[in-house]
Amino acid sequence: MEEIKTITTDELKKKLDAGEELLLVDVREDEEIETGKIKQAKHIRMGDIPASLDQLDKEKEYIVICRSGRRSENVCHYLQDQGYKVRNMEGGMLEWEGDVE
C-alpha cells in the first residue's frame, strides 16, 4: 500500500493564511460539523465518499480532514486507490487552531 502524504494543521493554516487555493474535504458526521469546520472545507461524510466521487477531480489534490486524523487517513487510502491525489491533515480538528465557521 502506498504511503499517504500528510500535512500538519500548522502547515495548512499557513497556506490558507497566505491565500493558497486548496481543496479541503471534511469527512466528519453532521453533528461533528456543527462544532465548526474550516470555512474552505467541503463537507462529505465518510460514508458518502464512494457515492460522491463525481464531485472530485482526479487532476487536483484534496486535503482530507476528520476529528483526529484516523478516519481521514482511511478515506485517503480509499481515494488514493481510486486514483485521486490526497493528503491527510494530521491531528484533525482536535489540533486545528485556525478559524472555523
PDB file of N, CA and C in Angstrom:
ATOM      1  N   MET A   1       0.850  -1.188   0.000  1.00  0.00           N
ATOM      2  CA  MET A   1       0.000   0.000   0.000  1.00  0.00           C
ATOM      3  C   MET A   1       0.894   1.249   0.000  1.00  0.00           C
ATOM      4  N   GLU A   2       0.547   2.171  -0.862  1.00  0.00           N
ATOM      5  CA  GLU A   2       1.349   3.385  -0.990  1.00  0.00           C
ATOM      6  C   GLU A   2       1.154   4.308   0.212  1.00  0.00           C
ATOM      7  N   GLU A   3       2.239   4.930   0.616  1.00  0.00           N
ATOM      8  CA  GLU A   3       2.213   5.855   1.756  1.00  0.00           C
ATOM      9  C   GLU A   3       1.296   7.045   1.457  1.00  0.00           C
ATOM     10  N   ILE A   4       0.555   7.473   2.472  1.00  0.00           N
ATOM     11  CA  ILE A   4      -0.328   8.632   2.325  1.00  0.00           C
ATOM     12  C   ILE A   4       0.459   9.891   2.686  1.00  0.00           C
ATOM     13  N   LYS A   5       0.405  10.895   1.823  1.00  0.00           N
ATOM     14  CA  LYS A   5       1.033  12.181   2.140  1.00  0.00           C
ATOM     15  C   LYS A   5       0.232  12.842   3.252  1.00  0.00           C
ATOM     16  N   THR A   6       0.920  13.653   4.054  1.00  0.00           N
ATOM     17  CA  THR A   6       0.235  14.328   5.154  1.00  0.00           C
ATOM     18  C   THR A   6       0.560  15.818   5.132  1.00  0.00           C
ATOM     19  N   ILE A   7      -0.235  16.558   5.892  1.00  0.00           N
ATOM     20  CA  ILE A   7       0.016  17.972   6.123  1.00  0.00           C
ATOM     21  C   ILE A   7      -0.352  18.234   7.581  1.00  0.00           C
ATOM     22  N   THR A   8       0.440  19.047   8.262  1.00  0.00           N
ATOM     23  CA  THR A   8       0.104  19.357   9.652  1.00  0.00           C
ATOM     24  C   THR A   8      -0.919  20.489   9.675  1.00  0.00           C
ATOM     25  N   THR A   9      -1.562  20.653  10.820  1.00  0.00           N
ATOM     26  CA  THR A   9      -2.531  21.735  10.948  1.00  0.00           C
ATOM     27  C   THR A   9      -1.834  23.090  10.792  1.00  0.00           C
ATOM     28  N   ASP A  10      -0.615  23.209  11.312  1.00  0.00           N
ATOM     29  CA  ASP A  10       0.134  24.472  11.176  1.00  0.00           C
ATOM     30  C   ASP A  10       0.464  24.778   9.720  1.00  0.00           C
ATOM     31  N   GLU A  11       0.920  23.746   8.984  1.00  0.00           N
ATOM     32  CA  GLU A  11       1.234  23.946   7.562  1.00  0.00           C
ATOM     33  C   GLU A  11      -0.017  24.378   6.784  1.00  0.00           C
ATOM     34  N   LEU A  12      -1.129  23.728   7.083  1.00  0.00           N
ATOM     35  CA  LEU A  12      -2.369  24.068   6.390  1.00  0.00           C
ATOM     36  C   LEU A  12      -2.799  25.494   6.719  1.00  0.00           C
ATOM     37  N   LYS A  13      -2.738  25.857   7.987  1.00  0.00           N
ATOM     38  CA  LYS A  13      -3.132  27.210   8.381  1.00  0.00           C
ATOM     39  C   LYS A  13      -2.273  28.252   7.666  1.00  0.00           C
ATOM     40  N   LYS A  14      -0.960  28.021   7.587  1.00  0.00           N
ATOM     41  CA  LYS A  14      -0.067  28.959   6.898  1.00  0.00           C
ATOM     42  C   LYS A  14      -0.435  29.101   5.434  1.00  0.00           C
ATOM     43  N   LYS A  15      -0.751  27.980   4.777  1.00  0.00           N
ATOM     44  CA  LYS A  15      -1.123  28.013   3.355  1.00  0.00           C
ATOM     45  C   LYS A  15      -2.435  28.792   3.164  1.00  0.00           C
ATOM     46  N   LEU A  16      -3.417  28.527   4.024  1.00  0.00           N
ATOM     47  CA  LEU A  16      -4.700  29.229   3.915  1.00  0.00           C
ATOM     48  C   LEU A  16      -4.521  30.719   4.210  1.00  0.00           C
ATOM     49  N   ASP A  17      -3.726  31.044   5.240  1.00  0.00           N
ATOM     50  CA  ASP A  17      -3.478  32.444   5.588  1.00  0.00           C
ATOM     51  C   ASP A  17      -2.772  33.173   4.447  1.00  0.00           C
ATOM     52  N   ALA A  18      -1.963  32.438   3.673  1.00  0.00           N
ATOM     53  CA  ALA A  18      -1.245  33.033   2.545  1.00  0.00           C
ATOM     54  C   ALA A  18      -2.135  33.145   1.309  1.00  0.00           C
ATOM     55  N   GLY A  19      -3.380  32.678   1.440  1.00  0.00           N
ATOM     56  CA  GLY A  19      -4.327  32.801   0.339  1.00  0.00           C
ATOM     57  C   GLY A  19      -4.245  31.689  -0.699  1.00  0.00           C
ATOM     58  N   GLU A  20      -3.558  30.603  -0.376  1.00  0.00           N
ATOM     59  CA  GLU A  20      -3.481  29.492  -1.327  1.00  0.00           C
ATOM     60  C   GLU A  20      -4.865  28.879  -1.510  1.00  0.00           C
ATOM     61  N   GLU A  21      -5.163  28.527  -2.759  1.00  0.00           N
ATOM     62  CA  GLU A  21      -6.442  27.877  -3.072  1.00  0.00           C
ATOM     63  C   GLU A  21      -6.262  26.376  -2.880  1.00  0.00           C
ATOM     64  N   LEU A  22      -6.807  25.857  -1.818  1.00  0.00           N
ATOM     65  CA  LEU A  22      -6.676  24.437  -1.501  1.00  0.00           C
ATOM     66  C   LEU A  22      -8.049  23.789  -1.501  1.00  0.00           C
ATOM     67  N   LEU A  23      -8.080  22.510  -1.815  1.00  0.00           N
ATOM     68  CA  LEU A  23      -9.341  21.764  -1.817  1.00  0.00           C
ATOM     69  C   LEU A  23      -9.376  20.900  -0.565  1.00  0.00           C
ATOM     70  N   LEU A  24     -10.264  21.253   0.348  1.00  0.00           N
ATOM     71  CA  LEU A  24     -10.384  20.553   1.624  1.00  0.00           C
ATOM     72  C   LEU A  24     -11.685  19.769   1.651  1.00  0.00           C
ATOM     73  N   VAL A  25     -11.613  18.538   2.148  1.00  0.00           N
ATOM     74  CA  VAL A  25     -12.807  17.709   2.297  1.00  0.00           C
ATOM     75  C   VAL A  25     -12.877  17.260   3.750  1.00  0.00           C
ATOM     76  N   ASP A  26     -13.940  17.656   4.440  1.00  0.00           N
ATOM     77  CA  ASP A  26     -14.160  17.280   5.837  1.00  0.00           C
ATOM     78  C   ASP A  26     -15.096  16.076   5.841  1.00  0.00           C
ATOM     79  N   VAL A  27     -14.622  14.936   6.366  1.00  0.00           N
ATOM     80  CA  VAL A  27     -15.394  13.698   6.296  1.00  0.00           C
ATOM     81  C   VAL A  27     -16.102  13.350   7.608  1.00  0.00           C
ATOM     82  N   ARG A  28     -16.182  14.316   8.528  1.00  0.00           N
ATOM     83  CA  ARG A  28     -16.859  14.059   9.805  1.00  0.00           C
ATOM     84  C   ARG A  28     -18.369  13.968   9.614  1.00  0.00           C
ATOM     85  N   GLU A  29     -19.041  13.489  10.643  1.00  0.00           N
ATOM     86  CA  GLU A  29     -20.502  13.384  10.624  1.00  0.00           C
ATOM     87  C   GLU A  29     -21.137  14.764  10.826  1.00  0.00           C
ATOM     88  N   ASP A  30     -22.421  14.864  10.479  1.00  0.00           N
ATOM     89  CA  ASP A  30     -23.134  16.145  10.552  1.00  0.00           C
ATOM     90  C   ASP A  30     -23.021  16.804  11.926  1.00  0.00           C
ATOM     91  N   GLU A  31     -23.211  16.004  12.996  1.00  0.00           N
ATOM     92  CA  GLU A  31     -23.190  16.594  14.342  1.00  0.00           C
ATOM     93  C   GLU A  31     -21.790  17.090  14.713  1.00  0.00           C
ATOM     94  N   GLU A  32     -20.756  16.491  14.132  1.00  0.00           N
ATOM     95  CA  GLU A  32     -19.396  16.972  14.394  1.00  0.00           C
ATOM     96  C   GLU A  32     -19.145  18.296  13.677  1.00  0.00           C
ATOM     97  N   ILE A  33     -19.704  18.436  12.498  1.00  0.00           N
ATOM     98  CA  ILE A  33     -19.550  19.664  11.711  1.00  0.00           C
ATOM     99  C   ILE A  33     -20.172  20.844  12.451  1.00  0.00           C
ATOM    100  N   GLU A  34     -21.237  20.575  13.213  1.00  0.00           N
ATOM    101  CA  GLU A  34     -21.919  21.646  13.950  1.00  0.00           C
ATOM    102  C   GLU A  34     -20.988  22.326  14.951  1.00  0.00           C
ATOM    103  N   THR A  35     -19.925  21.635  15.384  1.00  0.00           N
ATOM    104  CA  THR A  35     -18.976  22.245  16.325  1.00  0.00           C
ATOM    105  C   THR A  35     -18.012  23.185  15.590  1.00  0.00           C
ATOM    106  N   GLY A  36     -18.102  23.222  14.274  1.00  0.00           N
ATOM    107  CA  GLY A  36     -17.284  24.121  13.473  1.00  0.00           C
ATOM    108  C   GLY A  36     -16.431  23.374  12.474  1.00  0.00           C
ATOM    109  N   LYS A  37     -16.299  23.954  11.282  1.00  0.00           N
ATOM    110  CA  LYS A  37     -15.419  23.376  10.266  1.00  0.00           C
ATOM    111  C   LYS A  37     -14.608  24.497   9.637  1.00  0.00           C
ATOM    112  N   ILE A  38     -13.516  24.123   8.998  1.00  0.00           N
ATOM    113  CA  ILE A  38     -12.705  25.107   8.287  1.00  0.00           C
ATOM    114  C   ILE A  38     -13.544  25.642   7.133  1.00  0.00           C
ATOM    115  N   LYS A  39     -13.618  26.965   7.017  1.00  0.00           N
ATOM    116  CA  LYS A  39     -14.528  27.610   6.064  1.00  0.00           C
ATOM    117  C   LYS A  39     -14.407  27.050   4.647  1.00  0.00           C
ATOM    118  N   GLN A  40     -13.186  26.826   4.182  1.00  0.00           N
ATOM    119  CA  GLN A  40     -12.974  26.391   2.804  1.00  0.00           C
ATOM    120  C   GLN A  40     -13.302  24.911   2.578  1.00  0.00           C
ATOM    121  N   ALA A  41     -13.561  24.171   3.638  1.00  0.00           N
ATOM    122  CA  ALA A  41     -13.763  22.724   3.509  1.00  0.00           C
ATOM    123  C   ALA A  41     -15.148  22.376   2.982  1.00  0.00           C
ATOM    124  N   LYS A  42     -15.166  21.399   2.085  1.00  0.00           N
ATOM    125  CA  LYS A  42     -16.423  20.843   1.586  1.00  0.00           C
ATOM    126  C   LYS A  42     -16.758  19.668   2.501  1.00  0.00           C
ATOM    127  N   HIS A  43     -17.996  19.590   2.953  1.00  0.00           N
ATOM    128  CA  HIS A  43     -18.391  18.511   3.862  1.00  0.00           C
ATOM    129  C   HIS A  43     -18.966  17.344   3.065  1.00  0.00           C
ATOM    130  N   ILE A  44     -18.271  16.207   3.116  1.00  0.00           N
ATOM    131  CA  ILE A  44     -18.792  14.957   2.544  1.00  0.00           C
ATOM    132  C   ILE A  44     -18.539  13.890   3.610  1.00  0.00           C
ATOM    133  N   ARG A  45     -19.606  13.393   4.238  1.00  0.00           N
ATOM    134  CA  ARG A  45     -19.440  12.379   5.288  1.00  0.00           C
ATOM    135  C   ARG A  45     -18.655  11.178   4.757  1.00  0.00           C
ATOM    136  N   MET A  46     -17.853  10.579   5.634  1.00  0.00           N
ATOM    137  CA  MET A  46     -17.022   9.442   5.248  1.00  0.00           C
ATOM    138  C   MET A  46     -17.836   8.378   4.512  1.00  0.00           C
ATOM    139  N   GLY A  47     -19.003   8.056   5.042  1.00  0.00           N
ATOM    140  CA  GLY A  47     -19.842   7.023   4.427  1.00  0.00           C
ATOM    141  C   GLY A  47     -20.392   7.410   3.065  1.00  0.00           C
ATOM    142  N   ASP A  48     -20.366   8.695   2.747  1.00  0.00           N
ATOM    143  CA  ASP A  48     -20.892   9.172   1.465  1.00  0.00           C
ATOM    144  C   ASP A  48     -19.808   9.320   0.399  1.00  0.00           C
ATOM    145  N   ILE A  49     -18.546   9.127   0.786  1.00  0.00           N
ATOM    146  CA  ILE A  49     -17.445   9.329  -0.166  1.00  0.00           C
ATOM    147  C   ILE A  49     -17.585   8.461  -1.424  1.00  0.00           C
ATOM    148  N   PRO A  50     -17.829   7.135  -1.298  1.00  0.00           N
ATOM    149  CA  PRO A  50     -17.909   6.328  -2.529  1.00  0.00           C
ATOM    150  C   PRO A  50     -18.967   6.826  -3.522  1.00  0.00           C
ATOM    151  N   ALA A  51     -20.085   7.327  -3.010  1.00  0.00           N
ATOM    152  CA  ALA A  51     -21.151   7.821  -3.885  1.00  0.00           C
ATOM    153  C   ALA A  51     -20.894   9.250  -4.364  1.00  0.00           C
ATOM    154  N   SER A  52     -19.856   9.888  -3.836  1.00  0.00           N
ATOM    155  CA  SER A  52     -19.589  11.298  -4.145  1.00  0.00           C
ATOM    156  C   SER A  52     -18.349  11.497  -5.015  1.00  0.00           C
ATOM    157  N   LEU A  53     -17.812  10.433  -5.569  1.00  0.00           N
ATOM    158  CA  LEU A  53     -16.577  10.543  -6.351  1.00  0.00           C
ATOM    159  C   LEU A  53     -16.728  11.482  -7.539  1.00  0.00           C
ATOM    160  N   ASP A  54     -17.950  11.609  -8.062  1.00  0.00           N
ATOM    161  CA  ASP A  54     -18.162  12.500  -9.215  1.00  0.00           C
ATOM    162  C   ASP A  54     -17.978  13.976  -8.846  1.00  0.00           C
ATOM    163  N   GLN A  55     -17.924  14.284  -7.556  1.00  0.00           N
ATOM    164  CA  GLN A  55     -17.699  15.667  -7.106  1.00  0.00           C
ATOM    165  C   GLN A  55     -16.212  16.006  -7.018  1.00  0.00           C
ATOM    166  N   LEU A  56     -15.364  14.984  -7.198  1.00  0.00           N
ATOM    167  CA  LEU A  56     -13.925  15.169  -7.054  1.00  0.00           C
ATOM    168  C   LEU A  56     -13.231  15.034  -8.409  1.00  0.00           C
ATOM    169  N   ASP A  57     -12.137  15.753  -8.574  1.00  0.00           N
ATOM    170  CA  ASP A  57     -11.384  15.792  -9.821  1.00  0.00           C
ATOM    171  C   ASP A  57     -10.039  15.094  -9.609  1.00  0.00           C
ATOM    172  N   LYS A  58      -9.755  14.073 -10.403  1.00  0.00           N
ATOM    173  CA  LYS A  58      -8.510  13.313 -10.240  1.00  0.00           C
ATOM    174  C   LYS A  58      -7.268  14.142 -10.571  1.00  0.00           C
ATOM    175  N   GLU A  59      -7.446  15.283 -11.217  1.00  0.00           N
ATOM    176  CA  GLU A  59      -6.311  16.139 -11.569  1.00  0.00           C
ATOM    177  C   GLU A  59      -5.899  17.052 -10.408  1.00  0.00           C
ATOM    178  N   LYS A  60      -6.738  17.135  -9.380  1.00  0.00           N
ATOM    179  CA  LYS A  60      -6.481  18.057  -8.271  1.00  0.00           C
ATOM    180  C   LYS A  60      -6.156  17.274  -7.009  1.00  0.00           C
ATOM    181  N   GLU A  61      -5.479  17.948  -6.063  1.00  0.00           N
ATOM    182  CA  GLU A  61      -5.163  17.303  -4.791  1.00  0.00           C
ATOM    183  C   GLU A  61      -6.150  17.765  -3.720  1.00  0.00           C
ATOM    184  N   TYR A  62      -6.590  16.816  -2.909  1.00  0.00           N
ATOM    185  CA  TYR A  62      -7.532  17.100  -1.830  1.00  0.00           C
ATOM    186  C   TYR A  62      -6.881  16.848  -0.481  1.00  0.00           C
ATOM    187  N   ILE A  63      -7.135  17.749   0.449  1.00  0.00           N
ATOM    188  CA  ILE A  63      -6.695  17.566   1.832  1.00  0.00           C
ATOM    189  C   ILE A  63      -7.913  17.075   2.603  1.00  0.00           C
ATOM    190  N   VAL A  64      -7.782  15.901   3.205  1.00  0.00           N
ATOM    191  CA  VAL A  64      -8.915  15.262   3.872  1.00  0.00           C
ATOM    192  C   VAL A  64      -8.783  15.464   5.383  1.00  0.00           C
ATOM    193  N   ILE A  65      -9.918  15.840   6.002  1.00  0.00           N
ATOM    194  CA  ILE A  65      -9.959  16.244   7.406  1.00  0.00           C
ATOM    195  C   ILE A  65     -11.022  15.445   8.156  1.00  0.00           C
ATOM    196  N   CYS A  66     -10.699  15.059   9.404  1.00  0.00           N
ATOM    197  CA  CYS A  66     -11.719  14.494  10.298  1.00  0.00           C
ATOM    198  C   CYS A  66     -11.441  15.025  11.700  1.00  0.00           C
ATOM    199  N   ARG A  67     -11.921  14.342  12.728  1.00  0.00           N
ATOM    200  CA  ARG A  67     -11.736  14.825  14.089  1.00  0.00           C
ATOM    201  C   ARG A  67     -10.292  14.670  14.560  1.00  0.00           C
ATOM    202  N   SER A  68      -9.714  13.473  14.347  1.00  0.00           N
ATOM    203  CA  SER A  68      -8.367  13.213  14.886  1.00  0.00           C
ATOM    204  C   SER A  68      -7.330  12.844  13.832  1.00  0.00           C
ATOM    205  N   GLY A  69      -7.769  12.569  12.607  1.00  0.00           N
ATOM    206  CA  GLY A  69      -6.842  12.182  11.550  1.00  0.00           C
ATOM    207  C   GLY A  69      -6.895  10.708  11.179  1.00  0.00           C
ATOM    208  N   ARG A  70      -7.647   9.899  11.923  1.00  0.00           N
ATOM    209  CA  ARG A  70      -7.728   8.465  11.628  1.00  0.00           C
ATOM    210  C   ARG A  70      -8.721   8.165  10.502  1.00  0.00           C
ATOM    211  N   ARG A  71      -9.938   8.672  10.616  1.00  0.00           N
ATOM    212  CA  ARG A  71     -10.922   8.419   9.553  1.00  0.00           C
ATOM    213  C   ARG A  71     -10.469   9.025   8.239  1.00  0.00           C
ATOM    214  N   SER A  72      -9.903  10.237   8.321  1.00  0.00           N
ATOM    215  CA  SER A  72      -9.444  10.886   7.095  1.00  0.00           C
ATOM    216  C   SER A  72      -8.316  10.082   6.457  1.00  0.00           C
ATOM    217  N   GLU A  73      -7.485   9.437   7.278  1.00  0.00           N
ATOM    218  CA  GLU A  73      -6.428   8.587   6.720  1.00  0.00           C
ATOM    219  C   GLU A  73      -7.039   7.411   5.955  1.00  0.00           C
ATOM    220  N   ASN A  74      -8.086   6.813   6.515  1.00  0.00           N
ATOM    221  CA  ASN A  74      -8.772   5.716   5.829  1.00  0.00           C
ATOM    222  C   ASN A  74      -9.381   6.190   4.515  1.00  0.00           C
ATOM    223  N   VAL A  75      -9.998   7.368   4.537  1.00  0.00           N
ATOM    224  CA  VAL A  75     -10.581   7.932   3.318  1.00  0.00           C
ATOM    225  C   VAL A  75      -9.476   8.198   2.293  1.00  0.00           C
ATOM    226  N   CYS A  76      -8.326   8.684   2.762  1.00  0.00           N
ATOM    227  CA  CYS A  76      -7.197   8.928   1.856  1.00  0.00           C
ATOM    228  C   CYS A  76      -6.766   7.640   1.166  1.00  0.00           C
ATOM    229  N   HIS A  77      -6.672   6.544   1.927  1.00  0.00           N
ATOM    230  CA  HIS A  77      -6.297   5.258   1.321  1.00  0.00           C
ATOM    231  C   HIS A  77      -7.304   4.870   0.249  1.00  0.00           C
ATOM    232  N   TYR A  78      -8.590   5.010   0.559  1.00  0.00           N
ATOM    233  CA  TYR A  78      -9.641   4.662  -0.400  1.00  0.00           C
ATOM    234  C   TYR A  78      -9.535   5.521  -1.659  1.00  0.00           C
ATOM    235  N   LEU A  79      -9.453   6.839  -1.472  1.00  0.00           N
ATOM    236  CA  LEU A  79      -9.399   7.743  -2.626  1.00  0.00           C
ATOM    237  C   LEU A  79      -8.135   7.520  -3.448  1.00  0.00           C
ATOM    238  N   GLN A  80      -7.022   7.302  -2.774  1.00  0.00           N
ATOM    239  CA  GLN A  80      -5.771   7.064  -3.498  1.00  0.00           C
ATOM    240  C   GLN A  80      -5.897   5.793  -4.338  1.00  0.00           C
ATOM    241  N   ASP A  81      -6.547   4.766  -3.789  1.00  0.00           N
ATOM    242  CA  ASP A  81      -6.767   3.524  -4.545  1.00  0.00           C
ATOM    243  C   ASP A  81      -7.649   3.760  -5.764  1.00  0.00           C
ATOM    244  N   GLN A  82      -8.502   4.786  -5.698  1.00  0.00           N
ATOM    245  CA  GLN A  82      -9.388   5.117  -6.825  1.00  0.00           C
ATOM    246  C   GLN A  82      -8.699   6.042  -7.830  1.00  0.00           C
ATOM    247  N   GLY A  83      -7.451   6.429  -7.535  1.00  0.00           N
ATOM    248  CA  GLY A  83      -6.698   7.263  -8.470  1.00  0.00           C
ATOM    249  C   GLY A  83      -6.700   8.748  -8.154  1.00  0.00           C
ATOM    250  N   TYR A  84      -7.128   9.115  -6.947  1.00  0.00           N
ATOM    251  CA  TYR A  84      -7.158  10.531  -6.559  1.00  0.00           C
ATOM    252  C   TYR A  84      -5.875  10.921  -5.829  1.00  0.00           C
ATOM    253  N   LYS A  85      -5.532  12.213  -5.923  1.00  0.00           N
ATOM    254  CA  LYS A  85      -4.379  12.762  -5.199  1.00  0.00           C
ATOM    255  C   LYS A  85      -4.896  13.306  -3.876  1.00  0.00           C
ATOM    256  N   VAL A  86      -4.352  12.795  -2.788  1.00  0.00           N
ATOM    257  CA  VAL A  86      -4.863  13.178  -1.469  1.00  0.00           C
ATOM    258  C   VAL A  86      -3.725  13.425  -0.487  1.00  0.00           C
ATOM    259  N   ARG A  87      -4.074  14.146   0.554  1.00  0.00           N
ATOM    260  CA  ARG A  87      -3.153  14.429   1.657  1.00  0.00           C
ATOM    261  C   ARG A  87      -4.009  14.414   2.927  1.00  0.00           C
ATOM    262  N   ASN A  88      -3.525  13.775   3.977  1.00  0.00           N
ATOM    263  CA  ASN A  88      -4.268  13.686   5.233  1.00  0.00           C
ATOM    264  C   ASN A  88      -3.820  14.791   6.185  1.00  0.00           C
ATOM    265  N   MET A  89      -4.788  15.501   6.792  1.00  0.00           N
ATOM    266  CA  MET A  89      -4.448  16.504   7.796  1.00  0.00           C
ATOM    267  C   MET A  89      -4.216  15.788   9.122  1.00  0.00           C
ATOM    268  N   GLU A  90      -2.938  15.735   9.539  1.00  0.00           N
ATOM    269  CA  GLU A  90      -2.568  15.062  10.784  1.00  0.00           C
ATOM    270  C   GLU A  90      -3.176  15.779  11.987  1.00  0.00           C
ATOM    271  N   GLY A  91      -3.680  14.977  12.931  1.00  0.00           N
ATOM    272  CA  GLY A  91      -4.213  15.557  14.158  1.00  0.00           C
ATOM    273  C   GLY A  91      -5.654  16.001  14.061  1.00  0.00           C
ATOM    274  N   GLY A  92      -6.158  16.138  12.827  1.00  0.00           N
ATOM    275  CA  GLY A  92      -7.558  16.503  12.624  1.00  0.00           C
ATOM    276  C   GLY A  92      -7.963  17.807  13.293  1.00  0.00           C
ATOM    277  N   MET A  93      -9.259  17.963  13.456  1.00  0.00           N
ATOM    278  CA  MET A  93      -9.801  19.198  14.022  1.00  0.00           C
ATOM    279  C   MET A  93      -9.443  19.349  15.502  1.00  0.00           C
ATOM    280  N   LEU A  94      -9.045  18.263  16.161  1.00  0.00           N
ATOM    281  CA  LEU A  94      -8.616  18.368  17.561  1.00  0.00           C
ATOM    282  C   LEU A  94      -7.393  19.270  17.677  1.00  0.00           C
ATOM    283  N   GLU A  95      -6.551  19.296  16.637  1.00  0.00           N
ATOM    284  CA  GLU A  95      -5.333  20.106  16.684  1.00  0.00           C
ATOM    285  C   GLU A  95      -5.442  21.404  15.889  1.00  0.00           C
ATOM    286  N   TRP A  96      -6.573  21.624  15.199  1.00  0.00           N
ATOM    287  CA  TRP A  96      -6.742  22.820  14.380  1.00  0.00           C
ATOM    288  C   TRP A  96      -6.890  24.051  15.270  1.00  0.00           C
ATOM    289  N   GLU A  97      -6.071  25.068  15.032  1.00  0.00           N
ATOM    290  CA  GLU A  97      -6.147  26.304  15.835  1.00  0.00           C
ATOM    291  C   GLU A  97      -6.585  27.495  15.012  1.00  0.00           C
ATOM    292  N   GLY A  98      -6.918  27.249  13.751  1.00  0.00           N
ATOM    293  CA  GLY A  98      -7.367  28.355  12.900  1.00  0.00           C
ATOM    294  C   GLY A  98      -8.846  28.632  13.071  1.00  0.00           C
ATOM    295  N   ASP A  99      -9.354  29.513  12.226  1.00  0.00           N
ATOM    296  CA  ASP A  99     -10.765  29.885  12.282  1.00  0.00           C
ATOM    297  C   ASP A  99     -11.654  28.732  11.824  1.00  0.00           C
ATOM    298  N   VAL A 100     -12.863  28.712  12.377  1.00  0.00           N
ATOM    299  CA  VAL A 100     -13.887  27.764  11.934  1.00  0.00           C
ATOM    300  C   VAL A 100     -15.176  28.540  11.742  1.00  0.00           C
ATOM    301  N   GLU A 101     -16.062  27.934  10.958  1.00  0.00           N
ATOM    302  CA  GLU A 101     -17.387  28.565  10.787  1.00  0.00           C
ATOM    303  C   GLU A 101     -18.459  27.643  11.304  1.00  0.00           C
TER     304      GLU A 101
END
